[in-house]
């Protein structure tokens, strides 16, 4: 199913031009038009799923397999020094387009993003850690 108002649905369907680097029956992979680094690309499912919570497990698994395949190809082709694979869910987590997508971001020494794509660490007491642990194992 597609969302007629979703820009990523339109791109994935080929209705909006993009620099496509890979396509199959499930996915279109495009160059990001506002890249974090040279080679930054997006994996877009052709079906509409707002986020990780909505995407079927099989499609999510296929997206991860594709990400691995493309990360290897991009690392070889672009000679990058590392690689970020990012998938945001919800506005607070940085999601700006509400169509599941994965960012493939080649990383280079001194690319200007060394201090980005990370977070501040929080300190939790042993009691807080145990409370969280108990919630997650139920």
Protein backbone atom coordinates (compact mmCIF):
# COMPACT_ATOMS: atom_id res chain seq x y z
CA UNK A 1 0.00 0.00 0.00
CA UNK A 2 1.18 3.52 -0.78
CA UNK A 3 0.35 6.86 0.80
CA UNK A 4 -0.61 9.31 -1.95
CA UNK A 5 0.70 12.25 0.10
CA UNK A 6 4.06 10.68 1.05
CA UNK A 7 7.07 12.09 -0.81
CA UNK A 8 9.09 8.91 -0.22
CA UNK A 9 6.25 6.81 -1.68
CA UNK A 10 6.37 9.01 -4.78
CA UNK A 11 10.17 8.74 -5.04
CA UNK A 12 10.09 4.96 -4.45
CA UNK A 13 7.49 4.61 -7.21
CA UNK A 14 9.60 6.65 -9.63
CA UNK A 15 7.06 9.50 -9.79
CA UNK A 16 9.67 11.98 -8.55
CA UNK A 17 13.13 11.79 -10.15
CA UNK A 18 16.00 10.62 -7.97
CA UNK A 19 19.54 9.40 -8.30
CA UNK A 20 18.77 5.73 -7.85
CA UNK A 21 21.70 3.45 -7.02
CA UNK A 22 19.70 0.24 -6.54
CA UNK A 23 16.18 -0.99 -7.20
CA UNK A 24 14.30 -4.26 -6.88
CA UNK A 25 10.64 -5.21 -6.38
CA UNK A 26 10.71 -4.17 -2.68
CA UNK A 27 13.10 -1.23 -2.44
CA UNK A 28 14.54 1.78 -4.17
CA UNK A 29 17.84 3.16 -2.88
CA UNK A 30 18.53 6.79 -3.67
CA UNK A 31 21.24 9.35 -3.06
CA UNK A 32 20.19 11.72 -0.25
CA UNK A 33 19.64 15.25 -1.64
CA UNK A 34 20.96 16.75 1.61
CA UNK A 35 23.83 14.38 2.39
CA UNK A 36 25.74 14.15 5.65
CA UNK A 37 28.80 12.88 3.71
CA UNK A 38 29.83 11.88 0.18
CA UNK A 39 27.71 8.90 -0.82
CA UNK A 40 24.92 9.26 1.79
CA UNK A 41 22.00 7.18 0.50
CA UNK A 42 18.52 6.13 1.66
CA UNK A 43 16.87 2.73 1.48
CA UNK A 44 13.16 3.28 0.76
CA UNK A 45 10.62 0.46 0.82
CA UNK A 46 8.20 0.75 -2.10
CA UNK A 47 5.30 0.09 0.28
CA UNK A 48 4.40 2.69 2.89
CA UNK A 49 5.25 1.99 6.52
CA UNK A 50 5.50 5.03 8.77
CA UNK A 51 8.28 3.60 10.94
CA UNK A 52 9.92 0.53 12.42
CA UNK A 53 6.83 -0.23 14.49
CA UNK A 54 4.70 -0.66 11.33
CA UNK A 55 7.06 -2.43 8.95
CA UNK A 56 6.57 -6.21 8.71
CA UNK A 57 9.45 -8.23 10.16
CA UNK A 58 10.22 -9.86 6.81
CA UNK A 59 10.54 -6.48 5.08
CA UNK A 60 12.67 -5.12 7.92
CA UNK A 61 14.94 -8.17 7.63
CA UNK A 62 15.22 -7.68 3.87
CA UNK A 63 16.07 -3.99 4.41
CA UNK A 64 18.89 -4.97 6.77
CA UNK A 65 20.23 -7.55 4.31
CA UNK A 66 20.18 -4.91 1.59
CA UNK A 67 21.91 -2.40 3.89
CA UNK A 68 24.72 -4.88 4.50
CA UNK A 69 25.13 -5.57 0.78
CA UNK A 70 25.18 -1.87 -0.10
CA UNK A 71 27.48 -0.91 2.80
CA UNK A 72 30.08 -3.32 1.43
CA UNK A 73 29.65 -2.07 -2.14
CA UNK A 74 29.74 1.60 -1.08
CA UNK A 75 32.79 1.08 1.17
CA UNK A 76 34.69 -0.52 -1.70
CA UNK A 77 33.58 2.03 -4.32
CA UNK A 78 34.01 5.15 -2.18
CA UNK A 79 36.99 4.02 -0.11
CA UNK A 80 35.37 5.33 3.07
CA UNK A 81 36.92 4.71 6.49
CA UNK A 82 33.75 3.63 8.28
CA UNK A 83 30.00 3.45 7.90
CA UNK A 84 26.88 4.54 9.79
CA UNK A 85 23.57 2.80 9.35
CA UNK A 86 20.81 4.94 10.87
CA UNK A 87 17.07 4.44 11.16
CA UNK A 88 15.03 7.02 13.13
CA UNK A 89 11.54 6.50 14.58
CA UNK A 90 9.48 9.45 15.73
CA UNK A 91 10.12 13.17 15.66
CA UNK A 92 12.00 13.16 18.97
CA UNK A 93 14.40 10.58 17.48
CA UNK A 94 15.07 12.74 14.42
CA UNK A 95 12.57 11.26 11.95
CA UNK A 96 11.45 14.01 9.55
CA UNK A 97 9.78 11.96 6.80
CA UNK A 98 7.29 9.47 8.19
CA UNK A 99 8.01 6.67 5.74
CA UNK A 100 10.37 3.99 7.06
CA UNK A 101 13.83 4.52 5.62
CA UNK A 102 17.42 3.67 6.45
CA UNK A 103 20.33 6.05 6.05
CA UNK A 104 23.51 4.58 4.58
CA UNK A 105 26.25 7.05 5.53
CA UNK A 106 29.83 6.44 4.44
CA UNK A 107 32.23 7.97 6.96
CA UNK A 108 35.61 9.49 6.24
CA UNK A 109 38.42 10.59 8.54
CA UNK A 110 38.03 14.33 9.10
CA UNK A 111 34.62 14.44 7.38
CA UNK A 112 33.44 17.14 9.78
CA UNK A 113 30.92 14.83 11.44
CA UNK A 114 33.17 13.21 14.03
CA UNK A 115 31.16 14.68 16.91
CA UNK A 116 27.79 14.17 15.28
CA UNK A 117 25.58 11.11 15.00
CA UNK A 118 26.16 10.34 18.66
CA UNK A 119 24.51 11.16 21.97
CA UNK A 120 25.23 12.28 25.49
CA UNK A 121 25.48 9.41 27.93
CA UNK A 122 23.26 9.34 31.00
CA UNK A 123 24.23 8.00 34.37
CA UNK A 124 21.79 5.59 35.98
CA UNK A 125 21.91 4.15 39.45
CA UNK A 126 22.03 0.38 39.92
CA UNK A 127 18.38 0.59 41.07
CA UNK A 128 17.33 2.44 37.91
CA UNK A 129 19.16 -0.07 35.74
CA UNK A 130 17.46 -2.94 37.56
CA UNK A 131 14.02 -1.31 37.22
CA UNK A 132 14.53 -0.90 33.47
CA UNK A 133 15.88 -4.44 33.19
CA UNK A 134 12.79 -5.84 34.91
CA UNK A 135 10.46 -3.92 32.58
CA UNK A 136 12.27 -5.24 29.53
CA UNK A 137 12.35 -8.91 30.48
CA UNK A 138 8.61 -9.18 31.16
